[in-house]
Amino acid sequence: MTQRQASSDAMTALEKRSISGLSLIYALRMLGLFMILPVFSVAADQYSGSTPLLVGLAIGAYGLTQAMLQIPFGMLSDRIGRKKVIAFGLLLFAMGSVIAAMADSIFTVILGRLLQGSGAIAAAVMALTADLTRDDHRTKAMAAIGISIGLSFTVALASGAALEHWLGLAGIFWLTAVLAMLGIVVLFFWVPNPHRCVVHRDVEPMPKQFRNVLGNPELMRLTLSISTLHFLLTLSFFALPMALHHYAGIERSQHALLYLPIMLIAFVCMVPFILLAEKQRKMKMVFLGAIVVLGIAQLSWAILPNTAFVILIGLWLFFTAFNILEASLPSMMSKLSPLDCKGTAMGVYSTGQFLGAFLGGVSGGLIYTYLNIHAVFAFGAIVTLFWWWLVKPMQAPRHLSSRILHIEPLTQANAASVMAEINTIPGVVETMVVVDEGVAYVKFSPDETDTDALDAFSAKST
């Protein structure tokens, strides 16, 4: 066994520190984005010029600038450095929060939300994570960040209503600015400086691959799926606070007491279905079933938005399905993405996610302006039905894993033979050799592949 293999079994203290710091930065930012969701539509009448359409725009505005700048900021971090881009993005986020906190007009709040979204640092954070962790632990690192996102989303929804009661909307925005500045402190005083800054094809977009990704129907179905999921999130949270407050008669100060237990129960209910999808290879069945559950939740709200019990049952169904899809869609995207454009596919996927969030908020405000709250949820149910119909023909993703093998020496002369030799290992589905990085990216079936053979190959070639 080589020294590299022996040392890769456990994370180093530096890697753990990097992952904890970057996960915290991501979580602090997500908290700031989502804390207003459970209260904004019922508290926004304090702003001059407030209308349902403009309230919906304020809720979803962050998604527009996120979608526009997500990929460019990631590419910029390759040129000028990860930390500079992340710090700049957090400063933009803090500035947007301050503008929203000082706002008297709904238009100023919208401007603040747009500026919050312009701090699009997700791609740069992922790239810095890849810089600071060894390839063997990259999947664990990304999973840790994913967990931090899920936890911050839960905390944001559970705490937002309580914070609005204690601090008001302005107080939430001020707190968001403080969280952003705290993120900068963590970035420079806790997260280590990388010794390398290279393009990672498995986490970063490559401009030459955009056409391949956009022309791949399976990848675009999944991009449409994450876009629709976040469309439904902002559409629903435009209307749900109003349904709870104006229709079901539950005071705003009590909303937090409802969200927290429901979110916790939904998280527990999600786990068996994730295990069924991953361990029992039932990913497509679970995927389609979760979409159906989302539609049932929307339909129940459309029919009875004035019944607290129905709203709460719908919330439980919605969050259970939402958590399942939020966890399984990136996994499906990874399994279906060709190795040479995996990072690009994830960049397009993230862009679709944020664009969906923008369109959901705007659609909720527009429909409520001209129709009523029933129509908002009914539209959500129709969109969900169309989504289910569109993805039903997609192929069930194979249960595949990925590994990065370090090959030394790796040259243009031996690259083809190295790739051919790796492909002879039973269960290997796809191999991509990158001479500039000195690595081979391998996608394989863990049920059919002797992973020791992959490790032995890497050892033999070093």
Protein backbone atom coordinates (compact mmCIF):
# COMPACT_ATOMS: atom_id res chain seq x y z
CA MET A 1 0.00 0.00 0.00
CA THR A 2 1.37 3.43 -0.90
CA GLN A 3 1.81 6.28 1.53
CA ARG A 4 -0.96 8.15 -0.28
CA GLN A 5 -3.40 5.32 0.26
CA ALA A 6 -2.49 4.88 3.89
CA SER A 7 -2.91 8.56 4.61
CA SER A 8 -6.25 8.85 2.83
CA ASP A 9 -8.19 6.59 5.19
CA ALA A 10 -9.06 9.37 7.63
CA MET A 11 -9.51 13.11 7.29
CA THR A 12 -6.72 15.28 8.59
CA ALA A 13 -7.35 17.98 11.20
CA LEU A 14 -6.85 20.57 8.44
CA GLU A 15 -9.51 18.95 6.27
CA LYS A 16 -11.98 18.78 9.15
CA ARG A 17 -11.32 22.43 9.92
CA SER A 18 -11.84 23.38 6.28
CA ILE A 19 -15.11 21.48 5.98
CA SER A 20 -16.51 22.81 9.27
CA GLY A 21 -15.66 26.39 8.35
CA LEU A 22 -17.04 26.26 4.82
CA SER A 23 -20.18 24.44 5.97
CA LEU A 24 -20.74 27.17 8.55
CA ILE A 25 -20.29 29.92 5.95
CA TYR A 26 -22.82 28.25 3.67
CA ALA A 27 -25.26 27.74 6.56
CA LEU A 28 -25.00 31.35 7.76
CA ARG A 29 -25.81 32.60 4.28
CA MET A 30 -28.74 30.21 3.82
CA LEU A 31 -30.14 31.30 7.18
CA GLY A 32 -30.13 34.89 5.99
CA LEU A 33 -31.91 34.06 2.75
CA PHE A 34 -34.69 31.94 4.22
CA MET A 35 -35.55 33.45 7.62
CA ILE A 36 -38.07 35.82 6.05
CA LEU A 37 -39.91 33.07 4.15
CA PRO A 38 -42.39 32.06 6.87
CA VAL A 39 -43.44 35.64 7.72
CA PHE A 40 -42.75 38.10 4.93
CA SER A 41 -46.05 37.92 3.06
CA VAL A 42 -48.07 38.68 6.21
CA ALA A 43 -45.70 41.36 7.57
CA ALA A 44 -44.82 43.21 4.36
CA ASP A 45 -47.81 45.58 4.57
CA GLN A 46 -45.56 47.81 6.70
CA TYR A 47 -43.72 48.89 3.54
CA SER A 48 -45.06 51.69 1.35
CA GLY A 49 -46.13 50.61 -2.12
CA SER A 50 -46.59 47.02 -1.01
CA THR A 51 -48.75 44.89 -3.30
CA PRO A 52 -49.06 41.09 -3.52
CA LEU A 53 -47.06 41.05 -6.76
CA LEU A 54 -44.24 43.12 -5.28
CA VAL A 55 -44.25 41.03 -2.10
CA GLY A 56 -43.85 37.89 -4.21
CA LEU A 57 -41.06 39.58 -6.15
CA ALA A 58 -39.29 40.47 -2.89
CA ILE A 59 -39.53 36.86 -1.70
CA GLY A 60 -38.05 35.41 -4.89
CA ALA A 61 -35.78 38.26 -6.02
CA TYR A 62 -32.62 36.70 -4.60
CA GLY A 63 -33.03 33.78 -6.99
CA LEU A 64 -32.74 35.97 -10.09
CA THR A 65 -29.32 37.39 -9.28
CA GLN A 66 -28.16 34.05 -7.88
CA ALA A 67 -29.07 32.35 -11.16
CA MET A 68 -27.32 35.04 -13.21
CA LEU A 69 -24.07 35.14 -11.22
CA GLN A 70 -23.65 31.60 -9.87
CA ILE A 71 -21.51 30.28 -12.72
CA PRO A 72 -19.62 33.55 -13.46
CA PHE A 73 -18.54 33.88 -9.83
CA GLY A 74 -17.33 30.29 -9.84
CA MET A 75 -15.23 30.95 -12.94
CA LEU A 76 -13.94 34.22 -11.47
CA SER A 77 -12.69 32.32 -8.42
CA ASP A 78 -10.42 30.30 -10.74
CA ARG A 79 -8.78 33.54 -11.86
CA ILE A 80 -8.48 35.72 -8.75
CA GLY A 81 -8.77 33.21 -5.91
CA ARG A 82 -11.57 31.53 -3.97
CA LYS A 83 -11.40 33.57 -0.79
CA LYS A 84 -11.52 36.91 -2.59
CA VAL A 85 -14.69 35.91 -4.43
CA ILE A 86 -16.33 34.44 -1.32
CA ALA A 87 -15.49 37.53 0.77
CA PHE A 88 -16.79 39.84 -1.96
CA GLY A 89 -19.98 37.79 -2.23
CA LEU A 90 -20.55 37.91 1.53
CA LEU A 91 -20.00 41.68 1.50
CA LEU A 92 -22.62 42.03 -1.24
CA PHE A 93 -24.95 39.87 0.81
CA ALA A 94 -24.37 42.02 3.91
CA MET A 95 -24.93 45.22 1.93
CA GLY A 96 -28.19 43.88 0.55
CA SER A 97 -29.28 42.94 4.07
CA VAL A 98 -28.52 46.44 5.38
CA ILE A 99 -30.46 48.05 2.51
CA ALA A 100 -33.46 45.80 3.23
CA ALA A 101 -33.18 46.49 6.99
CA MET A 102 -33.34 50.25 6.44
CA ALA A 103 -36.14 50.06 3.88
CA ASP A 104 -39.43 51.92 4.17
CA SER A 105 -40.52 50.96 0.66
CA ILE A 106 -41.13 47.54 -0.84
CA PHE A 107 -39.00 48.61 -3.80
CA THR A 108 -36.03 49.13 -1.49
CA VAL A 109 -36.59 45.68 0.01
CA ILE A 110 -36.58 44.20 -3.50
CA LEU A 111 -33.31 46.00 -4.23
CA GLY A 112 -31.83 44.60 -1.02
CA ARG A 113 -32.96 41.07 -1.88
CA LEU A 114 -31.49 41.36 -5.38
CA LEU A 115 -28.19 42.47 -3.85
CA GLN A 116 -28.34 39.61 -1.34
CA GLY A 117 -28.65 37.15 -4.21
CA SER A 118 -25.82 38.76 -6.14
CA GLY A 119 -23.42 37.38 -3.54
CA ALA A 120 -23.52 34.07 -5.40
CA ILE A 121 -20.73 32.19 -3.65
CA ALA A 122 -21.94 28.58 -3.79
CA ALA A 123 -19.71 27.54 -6.70
CA ALA A 124 -16.67 29.25 -5.17
CA VAL A 125 -17.32 27.56 -1.80
CA MET A 126 -17.54 24.16 -3.50
CA ALA A 127 -14.32 24.83 -5.43
CA LEU A 128 -12.50 25.92 -2.27
CA THR A 129 -13.74 22.77 -0.55
CA ALA A 130 -12.21 20.74 -3.37
CA ASP A 131 -8.95 22.71 -3.06
CA LEU A 132 -8.71 22.04 0.68
CA THR A 133 -9.68 18.36 0.76
CA ARG A 134 -8.11 15.34 -0.85
CA ASP A 135 -10.01 13.73 -3.66
CA ASP A 136 -10.70 10.64 -1.53
CA HIS A 137 -12.75 12.75 0.90
CA ARG A 138 -14.46 15.12 -1.50
CA THR A 139 -17.76 13.26 -1.41
CA LYS A 140 -17.81 13.39 2.40
CA ALA A 141 -16.99 17.10 2.30
CA MET A 142 -19.80 17.87 -0.12
CA ALA A 143 -22.19 15.76 1.97
CA ALA A 144 -21.26 17.76 5.07
CA ILE A 145 -22.06 21.00 3.26
CA GLY A 146 -25.32 19.49 2.07
CA ILE A 147 -26.25 18.61 5.66
CA SER A 148 -25.45 22.16 6.77
CA ILE A 149 -27.77 23.50 4.07
CA GLY A 150 -30.60 21.25 5.21
CA LEU A 151 -30.13 22.15 8.87
CA SER A 152 -29.93 25.87 8.15
CA PHE A 153 -33.13 25.67 6.11
CA THR A 154 -34.91 23.97 9.02
CA VAL A 155 -33.58 26.48 11.55
CA ALA A 156 -34.49 29.41 9.28
CA LEU A 157 -38.11 28.37 8.89
CA ALA A 158 -38.50 27.48 12.57
CA SER A 159 -36.85 30.68 13.84
CA GLY A 160 -38.03 33.20 11.25
CA ALA A 161 -41.53 33.60 12.67
CA ALA A 162 -40.23 33.92 16.24
CA LEU A 163 -37.56 36.45 15.24
CA GLU A 164 -40.10 38.55 13.36
CA HIS A 165 -42.24 38.66 16.49
CA TRP A 166 -39.29 39.77 18.64
CA LEU A 167 -37.23 41.88 16.21
CA GLY A 168 -39.51 42.70 13.28
CA LEU A 169 -38.56 42.27 9.63
CA ALA A 170 -35.91 44.99 9.94
CA GLY A 171 -34.35 43.09 12.82
CA ILE A 172 -34.19 39.90 10.75
CA PHE A 173 -32.39 41.75 7.97
CA TRP A 174 -29.95 43.33 10.45
CA LEU A 175 -29.27 39.89 11.89
CA THR A 176 -28.69 38.61 8.37
CA ALA A 177 -26.05 41.30 7.81
CA VAL A 178 -24.32 40.28 11.06
CA LEU A 179 -24.35 36.62 9.98
CA ALA A 180 -22.74 37.57 6.66
CA MET A 181 -19.96 39.48 8.41
CA LEU A 182 -19.49 36.53 10.76
CA GLY A 183 -19.05 34.40 7.65
CA ILE A 184 -16.18 36.65 6.54
CA VAL A 185 -14.52 36.25 9.95
CA VAL A 186 -14.82 32.46 9.67
CA LEU A 187 -13.42 32.59 6.12
CA PHE A 188 -10.22 34.43 7.04
CA PHE A 189 -9.61 33.25 10.61
CA TRP A 190 -10.79 29.64 10.52
CA VAL A 191 -10.74 28.33 6.94
CA PRO A 192 -7.15 27.54 5.86
CA ASN A 193 -5.57 29.07 2.77
CA PRO A 194 -5.36 26.56 -0.09
CA HIS A 195 -1.97 25.51 -1.42
CA ARG A 196 -3.51 25.01 -4.85
CA CYS A 197 -6.25 26.61 -6.90
CA VAL A 198 -7.10 24.42 -9.85
CA VAL A 199 -10.21 23.70 -11.88
CA HIS A 200 -12.00 20.60 -10.57
CA ARG A 201 -14.04 19.04 -13.34
CA ASP A 202 -16.26 17.20 -10.90
CA VAL A 203 -17.41 20.36 -9.06
CA GLU A 204 -16.79 23.31 -11.42
CA PRO A 205 -18.38 24.27 -14.74
CA MET A 206 -16.36 24.06 -17.96
CA PRO A 207 -17.56 26.52 -20.64
CA LYS A 208 -16.92 24.05 -23.46
CA GLN A 209 -19.35 21.55 -21.91
CA PHE A 210 -22.47 23.73 -21.68
CA ARG A 211 -23.80 22.57 -25.04
CA ASN A 212 -23.42 18.91 -24.05
CA VAL A 213 -25.27 19.45 -20.78
CA LEU A 214 -28.08 21.54 -22.27
CA GLY A 215 -28.55 18.94 -25.01
CA ASN A 216 -28.80 16.01 -22.59
CA PRO A 217 -32.53 15.32 -21.95
CA GLU A 218 -31.94 13.32 -18.75
CA LEU A 219 -29.83 16.05 -17.17
CA MET A 220 -32.29 18.73 -18.22
CA ARG A 221 -35.18 16.78 -16.68
CA LEU A 222 -33.31 16.84 -13.37
CA THR A 223 -32.51 20.54 -13.78
CA LEU A 224 -36.19 21.19 -14.43
CA SER A 225 -36.97 19.12 -11.33
CA ILE A 226 -34.83 21.18 -8.94
CA SER A 227 -36.14 24.35 -10.58
CA THR A 228 -39.75 23.23 -10.07
CA LEU A 229 -39.06 22.12 -6.50
CA HIS A 230 -37.81 25.58 -5.53
CA PHE A 231 -40.55 27.20 -7.60
CA LEU A 232 -43.04 25.36 -5.37
CA LEU A 233 -41.10 26.38 -2.25
CA THR A 234 -41.34 30.14 -2.84
CA LEU A 235 -44.83 29.88 -4.38
CA SER A 236 -46.05 28.03 -1.29
CA PHE A 237 -44.36 30.33 1.19
CA PHE A 238 -45.86 33.33 -0.48
CA ALA A 239 -49.31 31.92 0.36
CA LEU A 240 -48.85 29.68 3.42
CA PRO A 241 -48.22 32.44 5.99
CA MET A 242 -51.38 34.17 4.77
CA ALA A 243 -53.34 30.92 4.92
CA LEU A 244 -52.22 30.31 8.50
CA HIS A 245 -52.79 33.88 9.65
CA HIS A 246 -55.70 35.29 7.65
CA TYR A 247 -57.62 32.11 6.85
CA ALA A 248 -56.89 29.69 9.71
CA GLY A 249 -56.66 32.43 12.34
CA ILE A 250 -53.27 31.45 13.81
CA GLU A 251 -51.31 34.41 15.16
CA ARG A 252 -47.94 35.12 13.53
CA SER A 253 -46.16 34.71 16.85
CA GLN A 254 -47.41 31.11 16.99
CA HIS A 255 -46.17 30.07 13.53
CA ALA A 256 -42.72 29.12 14.81
CA LEU A 257 -44.28 26.64 17.23
CA LEU A 258 -45.90 24.92 14.24
CA TYR A 259 -42.96 24.86 11.85
CA LEU A 260 -40.33 23.33 14.16
CA PRO A 261 -42.09 20.06 15.12
CA ILE A 262 -43.39 19.58 11.59
CA MET A 263 -39.91 20.06 10.12
CA LEU A 264 -38.44 17.58 12.61
CA ILE A 265 -41.14 14.98 11.95
CA ALA A 266 -40.72 15.43 8.20
CA PHE A 267 -36.97 14.91 8.51
CA VAL A 268 -37.49 11.65 10.41
CA CYS A 269 -40.06 10.49 7.84
CA MET A 270 -37.66 11.27 5.00
CA VAL A 271 -34.91 8.90 6.16
CA PRO A 272 -36.58 5.54 5.32
CA PHE A 273 -37.35 6.72 1.79
CA ILE A 274 -33.77 7.88 1.19
CA LEU A 275 -32.56 4.47 2.36
CA LEU A 276 -35.10 2.78 0.09
CA ALA A 277 -33.90 4.86 -2.86
CA GLU A 278 -30.18 4.34 -2.28
CA LYS A 279 -29.90 0.93 -0.62
CA GLN A 280 -32.77 -0.86 -2.34
CA ARG A 281 -32.15 0.81 -5.71
CA LYS A 282 -35.67 2.31 -5.85
CA MET A 283 -34.59 5.84 -6.66
CA LYS A 284 -37.00 6.50 -9.53
CA MET A 285 -39.97 5.10 -7.62
CA VAL A 286 -39.20 7.27 -4.58
CA PHE A 287 -38.57 10.27 -6.84
CA LEU A 288 -41.93 10.01 -8.61
CA GLY A 289 -43.73 9.22 -5.37
CA ALA A 290 -42.34 12.35 -3.69
CA ILE A 291 -43.62 14.49 -6.58
CA VAL A 292 -47.09 12.99 -6.13
CA VAL A 293 -46.98 13.82 -2.40
CA LEU A 294 -46.05 17.42 -3.21
CA GLY A 295 -49.08 17.60 -5.50
CA ILE A 296 -51.36 16.21 -2.77
CA ALA A 297 -50.11 18.88 -0.36
CA GLN A 298 -50.76 21.64 -2.89
CA LEU A 299 -54.21 20.28 -3.67
CA SER A 300 -55.17 20.05 0.02
CA TRP A 301 -54.20 23.68 0.54
CA ALA A 302 -56.12 24.74 -2.56
CA ILE A 303 -59.31 23.08 -1.30
CA LEU A 304 -59.13 23.96 2.41
CA PRO A 305 -56.74 26.87 3.06
CA ASN A 306 -58.83 27.96 6.04
CA THR A 307 -58.49 24.74 8.06
CA ALA A 308 -55.48 24.65 10.37
CA PHE A 309 -55.42 20.85 10.58
CA VAL A 310 -55.37 20.48 6.78
CA ILE A 311 -52.66 23.13 6.44
CA LEU A 312 -50.46 21.37 9.01
CA ILE A 313 -50.94 17.92 7.46
CA GLY A 314 -50.11 19.47 4.10
CA LEU A 315 -46.98 21.05 5.59
CA TRP A 316 -45.86 17.66 6.90
CA LEU A 317 -46.40 16.06 3.48
CA PHE A 318 -44.75 18.96 1.69
CA PHE A 319 -41.60 19.01 3.82
CA THR A 320 -41.23 15.23 3.82
CA ALA A 321 -41.37 15.18 0.02
CA PHE A 322 -39.25 18.34 -0.28
CA ASN A 323 -36.50 16.86 1.90
CA ILE A 324 -36.52 13.61 -0.06
CA LEU A 325 -36.15 15.43 -3.37
CA GLU A 326 -33.62 17.96 -2.08
CA ALA A 327 -31.43 15.07 -0.94
CA SER A 328 -31.94 12.71 -3.88
CA LEU A 329 -31.82 15.07 -6.86
CA PRO A 330 -28.10 15.94 -6.52
CA SER A 331 -27.36 12.22 -6.19
CA MET A 332 -29.33 11.46 -9.35
CA MET A 333 -27.60 14.32 -11.17
CA SER A 334 -24.21 12.93 -10.17
CA LYS A 335 -25.09 9.42 -11.30
CA LEU A 336 -26.42 10.51 -14.70
CA SER A 337 -23.78 13.16 -15.50
CA PRO A 338 -20.97 12.09 -17.84
CA LEU A 339 -17.59 12.45 -16.15
CA ASP A 340 -16.32 15.12 -18.52
CA CYS A 341 -19.18 17.51 -17.70
CA LYS A 342 -20.21 16.67 -14.15
CA GLY A 343 -19.16 20.03 -12.74
CA THR A 344 -20.87 21.86 -15.61
CA ALA A 345 -24.04 19.84 -15.08
CA MET A 346 -24.09 20.78 -11.40
CA GLY A 347 -23.58 24.44 -12.31
CA VAL A 348 -26.55 24.38 -14.69
CA TYR A 349 -28.52 22.50 -12.02
CA SER A 350 -27.82 25.22 -9.42
CA THR A 351 -28.76 27.95 -11.88
CA GLY A 352 -32.09 26.21 -12.51
CA GLN A 353 -32.68 25.93 -8.76
CA PHE A 354 -32.35 29.66 -8.15
CA LEU A 355 -34.28 30.64 -11.24
CA GLY A 356 -37.14 28.47 -10.02
CA ALA A 357 -37.10 30.24 -6.65
CA PHE A 358 -37.42 33.61 -8.40
CA LEU A 359 -40.27 32.52 -10.66
CA GLY A 360 -42.16 30.90 -7.78
CA GLY A 361 -42.29 34.07 -5.71
CA VAL A 362 -43.33 36.21 -8.66
CA SER A 363 -45.98 33.70 -9.78
CA GLY A 364 -47.48 33.52 -6.30
CA GLY A 365 -47.82 37.30 -6.12
CA LEU A 366 -49.22 37.56 -9.64
CA ILE A 367 -51.86 34.85 -9.20
CA TYR A 368 -52.96 36.18 -5.81
CA THR A 369 -53.27 39.69 -7.26
CA TYR A 370 -55.79 38.66 -9.92
CA LEU A 371 -57.39 35.59 -8.33
CA ASN A 372 -57.14 34.29 -4.75
CA ILE A 373 -55.18 32.04 -2.42
CA HIS A 374 -57.03 28.96 -3.67
CA ALA A 375 -55.73 29.67 -7.17
CA VAL A 376 -52.12 29.99 -5.94
CA PHE A 377 -52.14 26.48 -4.50
CA ALA A 378 -54.17 25.09 -7.39
CA PHE A 379 -51.54 26.40 -9.78
CA GLY A 380 -48.90 24.69 -7.66
CA ALA A 381 -50.81 21.41 -8.00
CA ILE A 382 -51.06 21.83 -11.80
CA VAL A 383 -47.33 22.58 -12.08
CA THR A 384 -46.59 19.49 -9.98
CA LEU A 385 -48.78 17.30 -12.21
CA PHE A 386 -46.99 18.60 -15.33
CA TRP A 387 -43.62 17.97 -13.64
CA TRP A 388 -44.58 14.36 -12.85
CA TRP A 389 -45.72 13.78 -16.44
CA LEU A 390 -42.51 15.25 -17.85
CA VAL A 391 -40.10 13.17 -15.73
CA LYS A 392 -42.03 9.90 -15.72
CA PRO A 393 -40.32 8.63 -18.94
CA MET A 394 -36.80 9.27 -17.62
CA GLN A 395 -34.47 6.34 -17.18
CA ALA A 396 -33.88 5.02 -13.69
CA PRO A 397 -30.33 6.00 -12.72
CA ARG A 398 -27.90 3.17 -12.19
CA HIS A 399 -26.36 2.94 -8.76
CA LEU A 400 -22.90 4.26 -9.58
CA SER A 401 -20.01 5.66 -7.58
CA SER A 402 -17.06 7.80 -8.60
CA ARG A 403 -13.40 7.72 -7.67
CA ILE A 404 -10.35 9.78 -8.56
CA LEU A 405 -7.11 7.89 -9.18
CA HIS A 406 -3.79 9.69 -9.07
CA ILE A 407 -1.53 8.47 -11.86
CA GLU A 408 2.20 9.25 -11.91
CA PRO A 409 3.63 9.76 -14.37
CA LEU A 410 0.69 10.63 -16.63
CA THR A 411 1.52 12.00 -20.06
CA GLN A 412 -0.16 12.45 -23.41
CA ALA A 413 1.80 9.42 -24.60
CA ASN A 414 0.47 6.98 -21.99
CA ALA A 415 -2.97 8.51 -21.33
CA ALA A 416 -4.81 6.27 -23.79
CA SER A 417 -3.23 3.08 -22.48
CA VAL A 418 -3.92 4.09 -18.87
CA MET A 419 -7.60 4.68 -19.68
CA ALA A 420 -7.82 1.37 -21.55
CA GLU A 421 -6.30 -0.52 -18.63
CA ILE A 422 -8.71 1.03 -16.13
CA ASN A 423 -11.64 0.17 -18.39
CA THR A 424 -10.67 -3.52 -18.25
CA ILE A 425 -11.61 -3.63 -14.55
CA PRO A 426 -15.05 -5.29 -14.30
CA GLY A 427 -17.82 -2.86 -13.37
CA VAL A 428 -16.06 0.29 -14.60
CA VAL A 429 -18.60 2.25 -16.63
CA GLU A 430 -16.67 5.34 -17.67
CA THR A 431 -13.14 6.68 -17.36
CA MET A 432 -11.76 10.14 -18.09
CA VAL A 433 -8.02 10.78 -17.93
CA VAL A 434 -6.89 14.39 -17.40
CA VAL A 435 -3.18 14.74 -18.06
CA ASP A 436 -2.92 18.29 -16.68
CA GLU A 437 -4.27 17.17 -13.31
CA GLY A 438 -2.45 13.84 -13.26
CA VAL A 439 -5.64 11.99 -12.43
CA ALA A 440 -8.18 9.58 -13.84
CA TYR A 441 -11.85 10.12 -13.01
CA VAL A 442 -13.62 6.76 -12.83
CA LYS A 443 -17.34 5.99 -12.61
CA PHE A 444 -18.14 2.42 -11.61
CA SER A 445 -20.83 0.13 -10.26
CA PRO A 446 -20.00 -0.67 -6.61
CA ASP A 447 -22.02 -3.88 -6.88
CA GLU A 448 -19.87 -5.19 -9.71
CA THR A 449 -16.46 -3.62 -9.14
CA ASP A 450 -13.65 -4.83 -6.95
CA THR A 451 -12.67 -1.46 -5.48
CA ASP A 452 -9.37 -2.97 -4.34
CA ALA A 453 -8.55 -3.37 -8.01
CA LEU A 454 -9.06 0.35 -8.52
CA ASP A 455 -6.90 1.18 -5.51
CA ALA A 456 -4.29 -1.34 -6.59
CA PHE A 457 -4.23 0.18 -10.04
CA SER A 458 -3.63 3.61 -8.56
CA ALA A 459 -0.90 2.21 -6.32
CA LYS A 460 0.72 0.32 -9.18
CA SER A 461 0.80 3.46 -11.29
CA THR A 462 2.46 5.65 -8.70
